[in-house]
């Protein structure tokens, strides 16, 4: 069977909470992860060897701690992978084939790369399995069995490699097409090489994107379909959900309608409309954020509530006027244009002249 079993491993893996909090693993750097994300990771790894999720998309509000959670999940996948006795035989790979976790980053100063290297360097477990002189940079063959972490730097990064998992950080729309191709390539190759029964794979693709990022990338075009894909977990927390453990909210809330195809977002007044009639398009928001929603409801929805909504574009008056100038009657008789004022002046002069002629001919 291609799915991982305990007999395929050199040791029984620790659960995700132990992995995060025990100094033997990531406890020296990530033990203070937000309880919200610990709950999400415990859901993903309810069974460390047979997670029901192959894709985890972390969206939602800004400042939520998505980066930490995704890096922890990425490193836990790597941890499980390093426990496999003979991965090439297990997945019928040619001996010596690089087995790589792929990392999409936008520059060499990416915080994701630094966090992964920190996690590897301070973990006694990872230091014990790193090959000599490895762990300074992310590269192939960092661990036994040709296991490594490769930054995605070219469009042919996958050639000759078995991509078993990946992490995609938030990207800009200018690179969107290239990133989508890398994402799709990783997905196809993971499933081609490692898929077991029920669509289970040993590692995941982690995608990090704020609500504003969702709007500007390929995710936005098919956001609802991504949510419905099998084995895909989409996490969209609000800032008050990830901060609930801080005890900073009084408990009072107001209700916001987040809008739909026919109605704009708005703060609902008490008793205005039954929430059942809004098809779940409402958010209960702590009163601590009332001013933010009153000042700019669209920005507050994206940055605080983590809802990918677009602010409608403002119409430019000059463009409207430019369209109107194509109508010759508006051009001639619109009193706001120079040419129309000149035409009206000429008409007035001619009218006065005609009156003068008539007066001269018939006047007393």
Protein backbone atom coordinates (compact mmCIF):
# COMPACT_ATOMS: atom_id res chain seq x y z
CA UNK A 1 0.00 0.00 0.00
CA UNK A 2 1.32 3.45 -0.98
CA UNK A 3 -0.15 5.22 2.09
CA UNK A 4 2.25 5.62 4.98
CA UNK A 5 1.93 3.10 7.79
CA UNK A 6 3.73 2.95 11.14
CA UNK A 7 5.90 0.05 9.90
CA UNK A 8 7.26 2.38 7.19
CA UNK A 9 8.77 4.71 9.81
CA UNK A 10 11.85 4.57 11.98
CA UNK A 11 9.83 5.83 14.97
CA UNK A 12 6.27 6.67 15.94
CA UNK A 13 5.76 10.39 15.16
CA UNK A 14 4.86 12.78 17.94
CA UNK A 15 1.53 14.59 17.57
CA UNK A 16 1.45 18.13 16.21
CA UNK A 17 1.00 19.82 19.61
CA UNK A 18 4.05 18.03 21.02
CA UNK A 19 5.99 18.92 17.88
CA UNK A 20 5.16 22.60 18.40
CA UNK A 21 5.72 22.86 22.17
CA UNK A 22 8.48 20.34 22.94
CA UNK A 23 11.99 21.92 22.85
CA UNK A 24 13.21 18.75 21.14
CA UNK A 25 11.31 19.88 18.05
CA UNK A 26 10.02 23.46 17.58
CA UNK A 27 9.35 24.45 21.18
CA UNK A 28 12.24 26.92 21.30
CA UNK A 29 10.72 29.14 18.59
CA UNK A 30 7.05 28.31 18.00
CA UNK A 31 5.64 27.24 21.38
CA UNK A 32 3.64 30.48 21.66
CA UNK A 33 1.66 29.94 18.47
CA UNK A 34 -1.87 31.35 18.75
CA UNK A 35 -4.40 28.84 20.14
CA UNK A 36 -6.57 29.44 17.07
CA UNK A 37 -3.84 28.13 14.75
CA UNK A 38 -2.98 25.27 17.08
CA UNK A 39 -6.61 24.19 16.72
CA UNK A 40 -6.40 24.40 12.93
CA UNK A 41 -3.19 22.35 12.84
CA UNK A 42 -4.65 19.72 15.18
CA UNK A 43 -7.56 19.41 12.75
CA UNK A 44 -5.19 19.03 9.77
CA UNK A 45 -3.11 16.39 11.58
CA UNK A 46 -5.83 14.52 13.45
CA UNK A 47 -4.09 11.49 11.94
CA UNK A 48 -0.45 12.43 11.21
CA UNK A 49 -0.05 9.69 8.59
CA UNK A 50 -3.40 10.06 6.87
CA UNK A 51 -4.45 13.69 6.97
CA UNK A 52 -7.72 14.29 5.12
CA UNK A 53 -6.27 17.50 3.67
CA UNK A 54 -3.86 17.79 0.74
CA UNK A 55 -4.20 21.58 0.34
CA UNK A 56 -4.41 24.14 3.11
CA UNK A 57 -5.19 27.72 2.06
CA UNK A 58 -4.71 30.28 4.82
CA UNK A 59 -6.47 33.53 4.02
CA UNK A 60 -8.45 35.91 6.21
CA UNK A 61 -7.48 39.05 8.09
CA UNK A 62 -4.13 40.79 8.31
CA UNK A 63 -1.81 40.15 11.26
CA UNK A 64 -3.40 36.79 12.01
CA UNK A 65 -0.25 34.68 12.32
CA UNK A 66 -0.80 32.71 9.10
CA UNK A 67 2.92 32.67 8.35
CA UNK A 68 3.84 30.93 11.59
CA UNK A 69 1.08 28.34 11.23
CA UNK A 70 1.99 27.52 7.62
CA UNK A 71 5.70 27.19 8.41
CA UNK A 72 4.92 24.88 11.34
CA UNK A 73 2.75 22.70 9.10
CA UNK A 74 5.44 22.67 6.41
CA UNK A 75 8.07 21.58 8.95
CA UNK A 76 5.78 18.90 10.40
CA UNK A 77 5.36 17.42 6.92
CA UNK A 78 9.16 17.46 6.60
CA UNK A 79 9.49 15.78 10.00
CA UNK A 80 7.20 12.92 8.97
CA UNK A 81 9.10 12.58 5.70
CA UNK A 82 12.45 12.23 7.50
CA UNK A 83 11.04 9.33 9.52
CA UNK A 84 10.34 7.19 6.45
CA UNK A 85 12.82 4.29 6.30
CA UNK A 86 13.09 3.92 2.53
CA UNK A 87 11.01 6.55 0.69
CA UNK A 88 12.28 5.59 -2.78
CA UNK A 89 11.14 2.02 -2.33
CA UNK A 90 7.91 3.06 -0.63
CA UNK A 91 6.86 5.27 -3.52
CA UNK A 92 8.63 3.32 -6.29
CA UNK A 93 11.03 6.11 -7.17
CA UNK A 94 14.32 5.61 -8.98
CA UNK A 95 17.06 5.40 -6.32
CA UNK A 96 18.77 8.73 -5.88
CA UNK A 97 15.79 10.80 -7.09
CA UNK A 98 15.65 14.06 -5.10
CA UNK A 99 12.58 14.16 -2.86
CA UNK A 100 11.90 17.83 -2.31
CA UNK A 101 9.62 20.18 -0.44
CA UNK A 102 9.18 23.23 -2.71
CA UNK A 103 9.12 26.79 -1.39
CA UNK A 104 7.80 29.68 -3.47
CA UNK A 105 9.22 32.98 -2.25
CA UNK A 106 9.37 36.44 -3.81
CA UNK A 107 12.90 37.38 -2.70
CA UNK A 108 15.90 36.14 -0.73
CA UNK A 109 14.85 38.15 2.33
CA UNK A 110 11.56 36.28 2.63
CA UNK A 111 10.53 35.77 6.27
CA UNK A 112 9.35 32.27 5.36
CA UNK A 113 12.86 31.16 4.42
CA UNK A 114 14.31 32.67 7.60
CA UNK A 115 11.64 31.03 9.79
CA UNK A 116 12.23 27.61 8.24
CA UNK A 117 15.98 27.89 8.71
CA UNK A 118 15.46 29.03 12.32
CA UNK A 119 13.19 26.07 12.98
CA UNK A 120 15.78 23.66 11.58
CA UNK A 121 18.72 25.24 13.39
CA UNK A 122 17.26 25.33 16.92
CA UNK A 123 15.55 21.94 16.82
CA UNK A 124 17.66 19.13 18.31
CA UNK A 125 15.69 16.65 16.23
CA UNK A 126 16.32 18.36 12.89
CA UNK A 127 19.97 19.00 13.76
CA UNK A 128 20.36 15.29 14.46
CA UNK A 129 19.08 14.30 11.00
CA UNK A 130 20.63 17.06 8.93
CA UNK A 131 23.56 15.87 6.85
CA UNK A 132 27.01 17.33 7.69
CA UNK A 133 27.45 21.00 6.74
CA UNK A 134 23.77 21.33 5.85
CA UNK A 135 21.10 23.66 7.21
CA UNK A 136 22.81 26.95 6.44
CA UNK A 137 20.77 27.42 3.27
CA UNK A 138 17.76 25.62 1.86
CA UNK A 139 18.86 23.12 -0.76
CA UNK A 140 18.52 19.61 -2.10
CA UNK A 141 19.92 16.65 -0.20
CA UNK A 142 19.82 18.31 3.22
CA UNK A 143 18.63 15.09 4.85
CA UNK A 144 19.21 11.38 4.29
CA UNK A 145 17.44 9.73 1.34
CA UNK A 146 18.00 12.80 -0.85
CA UNK A 147 15.32 14.78 0.99
CA UNK A 148 15.61 18.55 0.76
CA UNK A 149 13.88 21.94 0.47
CA UNK A 150 14.18 23.80 -2.82
CA UNK A 151 13.21 27.42 -3.46
CA UNK A 152 11.26 27.70 -6.71
CA UNK A 153 13.48 29.92 -8.85
CA UNK A 154 12.83 28.73 -12.42
CA UNK A 155 9.85 27.43 -14.36
CA UNK A 156 11.57 24.05 -14.75
CA UNK A 157 12.37 23.60 -11.05
CA UNK A 158 10.60 20.24 -10.99
CA UNK A 159 12.61 18.40 -13.67
CA UNK A 160 14.24 15.27 -12.27
CA UNK A 161 12.71 15.83 -8.83
CA UNK A 162 9.89 14.26 -6.85
CA UNK A 163 7.94 17.21 -5.38
CA UNK A 164 6.22 15.91 -2.25
CA UNK A 165 4.97 19.16 -0.66
CA UNK A 166 5.12 22.94 -1.06
CA UNK A 167 4.59 26.31 0.57
CA UNK A 168 3.45 29.35 -1.43
CA UNK A 169 3.70 32.73 0.17
CA UNK A 170 1.53 35.69 -0.76
CA UNK A 171 2.38 37.00 -4.19
CA UNK A 172 1.63 39.99 -6.39
CA UNK A 173 -0.72 40.02 -9.36
CA UNK A 174 2.15 40.80 -11.75
CA UNK A 175 3.50 37.29 -11.19
CA UNK A 176 0.12 35.64 -10.93
CA UNK A 177 0.20 33.57 -14.12
CA UNK A 178 3.67 32.17 -13.43
CA UNK A 179 2.76 31.35 -9.82
CA UNK A 180 -0.43 29.58 -10.85
CA UNK A 181 1.60 27.41 -13.23
CA UNK A 182 4.05 26.54 -10.42
CA UNK A 183 1.14 25.80 -8.08
CA UNK A 184 -0.56 23.54 -10.62
CA UNK A 185 2.74 21.82 -11.45
CA UNK A 186 3.44 21.05 -7.78
CA UNK A 187 -0.09 19.74 -7.35
CA UNK A 188 0.06 17.44 -10.37
CA UNK A 189 3.49 16.06 -9.52
CA UNK A 190 2.62 15.43 -5.89
CA UNK A 191 -0.36 13.35 -6.89
CA UNK A 192 1.43 11.61 -9.76
CA UNK A 193 4.25 10.37 -7.49
CA UNK A 194 2.74 10.05 -4.02
CA UNK A 195 -1.04 9.68 -4.09
CA UNK A 196 -2.47 6.71 -2.21
CA UNK A 197 -6.01 5.49 -1.83
CA UNK A 198 -8.75 8.05 -1.19
CA UNK A 199 -6.51 10.77 -2.68
CA UNK A 200 -4.21 10.83 0.36
CA UNK A 201 -0.67 12.21 -0.02
CA UNK A 202 2.03 12.31 2.69
CA UNK A 203 2.54 16.10 2.62
CA UNK A 204 0.54 19.20 1.78
CA UNK A 205 0.58 22.34 -0.31
CA UNK A 206 0.37 25.31 2.05
CA UNK A 207 -0.84 28.57 0.50
CA UNK A 208 -0.72 31.85 2.40
CA UNK A 209 -2.78 34.78 1.19
CA UNK A 210 -4.59 37.58 3.00
CA UNK A 211 -8.09 38.54 1.89
CA UNK A 212 -6.59 41.37 -0.17
CA UNK A 213 -4.18 38.88 -1.72
CA UNK A 214 -7.06 36.61 -2.68
CA UNK A 215 -8.60 39.49 -4.65
CA UNK A 216 -5.41 40.12 -6.64
CA UNK A 217 -4.42 36.54 -7.51
CA UNK A 218 -5.78 33.57 -9.40
CA UNK A 219 -7.45 32.41 -6.16
CA UNK A 220 -9.95 35.25 -6.46
CA UNK A 221 -11.27 34.05 -9.81
CA UNK A 222 -12.26 30.66 -8.40
CA UNK A 223 -12.46 31.32 -4.66
CA UNK A 224 -15.76 29.55 -4.09
CA UNK A 225 -14.66 26.54 -6.14
CA UNK A 226 -11.44 26.23 -4.11
CA UNK A 227 -13.54 26.06 -0.95
CA UNK A 228 -15.52 23.15 -2.38
CA UNK A 229 -12.60 21.05 -3.59
CA UNK A 230 -12.21 17.70 -1.84
CA UNK A 231 -9.30 17.44 0.62
CA UNK A 232 -8.88 21.24 0.65
CA UNK A 233 -9.08 23.27 3.85
CA UNK A 234 -9.67 27.01 3.48
CA UNK A 235 -9.13 28.99 6.68
CA UNK A 236 -10.45 32.58 6.78
CA UNK A 237 -10.22 33.88 10.36
CA UNK A 238 -11.23 37.31 11.56
CA UNK A 239 -8.84 39.30 13.71
CA UNK A 240 -11.12 38.83 16.73
CA UNK A 241 -11.12 35.05 16.28
CA UNK A 242 -7.34 34.75 16.31
CA UNK A 243 -7.07 37.28 19.16
CA UNK A 244 -9.80 35.79 21.36
CA UNK A 245 -7.24 34.37 23.79
CA UNK A 246 -5.92 37.87 24.63
CA UNK A 247 -9.03 38.87 26.60
CA UNK A 248 -9.26 42.31 24.98
CA UNK A 249 -12.96 42.30 24.01
CA UNK A 250 -15.84 43.40 26.25
CA UNK A 251 -18.33 41.00 24.66
CA UNK A 252 -20.62 43.53 22.97
CA UNK A 253 -21.00 43.23 19.20
CA UNK A 254 -22.65 44.87 16.20
CA UNK A 255 -23.74 43.19 12.98
CA UNK A 256 -22.30 43.82 9.53
CA UNK A 257 -23.83 42.67 6.27
CA UNK A 258 -20.82 41.85 4.06
CA UNK A 259 -22.68 42.44 0.81
CA UNK A 260 -23.46 40.32 -2.23
CA UNK A 261 -23.98 40.72 -5.97
CA UNK A 262 -26.95 43.02 -5.49
CA UNK A 263 -26.35 44.88 -2.22
CA UNK A 264 -23.43 46.82 -0.80
CA UNK A 265 -21.94 46.04 2.63
CA UNK A 266 -23.40 47.98 5.53
CA UNK A 267 -23.69 48.04 9.30
CA UNK A 268 -27.11 46.66 10.21
CA UNK A 269 -29.24 48.62 12.62
CA UNK A 270 -30.92 46.81 15.50
CA UNK A 271 -33.99 44.98 14.23
CA UNK A 272 -33.38 46.10 10.64
CA UNK A 273 -33.60 42.67 9.05
CA UNK A 274 -33.50 39.07 10.15
CA UNK A 275 -30.11 37.44 9.72
CA UNK A 276 -31.81 34.34 8.34
CA UNK A 277 -32.82 36.39 5.31
CA UNK A 278 -29.22 37.33 4.48
CA UNK A 279 -28.05 33.79 3.67
CA UNK A 280 -25.14 33.84 6.10
CA UNK A 281 -23.66 37.04 4.66
CA UNK A 282 -23.27 38.68 8.09
CA UNK A 283 -20.51 39.05 10.65
CA UNK A 284 -20.83 39.68 14.36
CA UNK A 285 -18.10 42.20 15.13
CA UNK A 286 -16.80 43.33 18.53
CA UNK A 287 -17.73 46.94 19.28
CA UNK A 288 -14.02 47.69 19.63
CA UNK A 289 -13.91 47.80 15.81
CA UNK A 290 -17.04 49.92 15.26
CA UNK A 291 -15.07 53.05 14.32
CA UNK A 292 -13.05 51.14 11.74
CA UNK A 293 -16.20 49.87 10.03
CA UNK A 294 -17.87 53.29 10.17
CA UNK A 295 -14.82 54.97 8.65
CA UNK A 296 -14.23 52.52 5.76
CA UNK A 297 -16.35 49.39 5.72
CA UNK A 298 -14.60 47.87 2.70
CA UNK A 299 -11.11 48.14 4.17
CA UNK A 300 -12.36 46.88 7.54
CA UNK A 301 -14.01 43.86 5.93
CA UNK A 302 -10.81 42.92 4.10
CA UNK A 303 -8.20 43.68 6.78
CA UNK A 304 -10.12 42.91 9.99
CA UNK A 305 -12.89 40.50 9.00
CA UNK A 306 -10.79 38.75 6.35
CA UNK A 307 -13.54 38.92 3.74
CA UNK A 308 -12.36 39.31 0.11
CA UNK A 309 -14.68 42.09 -1.06
CA UNK A 310 -13.83 44.66 -3.70
CA UNK A 311 -14.41 48.35 -3.18
CA UNK A 312 -16.40 49.69 -6.16
CA UNK A 313 -14.37 51.91 -8.47
CA UNK A 314 -15.31 55.61 -8.44
CA UNK A 315 -16.60 57.06 -11.69
CA UNK A 316 -14.35 59.75 -13.16
CA UNK A 317 -16.36 62.83 -14.19
CA UNK A 318 -13.88 63.74 -16.93
CA UNK A 319 -14.44 60.39 -18.61
CA UNK A 320 -18.19 60.95 -18.56
CA UNK A 321 -17.78 64.40 -20.08
CA UNK A 322 -15.47 62.99 -22.75
CA UNK A 323 -18.18 60.54 -23.78
CA UNK A 324 -20.77 63.31 -23.90
CA UNK A 325 -18.67 65.43 -26.28
CA UNK A 326 -19.33 62.93 -29.02
CA UNK A 327 -22.93 64.23 -29.12
CA UNK A 328 -22.87 67.36 -31.34
CA UNK A 329 -26.01 68.87 -29.77
CA UNK A 330 -24.50 68.60 -26.29
CA UNK A 331 -21.26 70.02 -27.69
CA UNK A 332 -23.02 73.06 -29.13
CA UNK A 333 -25.64 73.80 -26.52
CA UNK A 334 -24.10 72.67 -23.24
CA UNK A 335 -23.47 75.96 -21.46
CA UNK A 336 -20.46 74.50 -19.58
CA UNK A 337 -18.26 74.22 -22.70
CA UNK A 338 -16.30 77.04 -24.38
CA UNK A 339 -17.59 76.23 -27.85
CA UNK A 340 -21.21 76.29 -26.74
CA UNK A 341 -20.75 79.71 -25.15
CA UNK A 342 -19.26 81.03 -28.37
CA UNK A 343 -22.13 79.62 -30.43
CA UNK A 344 -24.70 81.15 -28.09
CA UNK A 345 -22.90 84.52 -28.32
CA UNK A 346 -23.02 84.42 -32.14
CA UNK A 347 -26.70 83.49 -32.11
CA UNK A 348 -27.36 86.45 -29.79
CA UNK A 349 -25.50 88.89 -32.07
CA UNK A 350 -27.39 87.66 -35.14
CA UNK A 351 -30.70 87.95 -33.30
CA UNK A 352 -29.96 91.56 -32.27
CA UNK A 353 -28.92 92.41 -35.85
CA UNK A 354 -32.16 91.00 -37.26
CA UNK A 355 -34.19 92.98 -34.71
CA UNK A 356 -32.32 96.14 -35.75
CA UNK A 357 -33.07 95.56 -39.43
CA UNK A 358 -36.75 94.95 -38.73
CA UNK A 359 -36.91 98.05 -36.58
CA UNK A 360 -35.29 100.14 -39.35
CA UNK A 361 -37.75 98.91 -41.93
CA UNK A 362 -40.94 99.19 -39.94
CA UNK A 363 -40.13 101.25 -36.91
CA UNK A 364 -41.87 104.59 -36.22
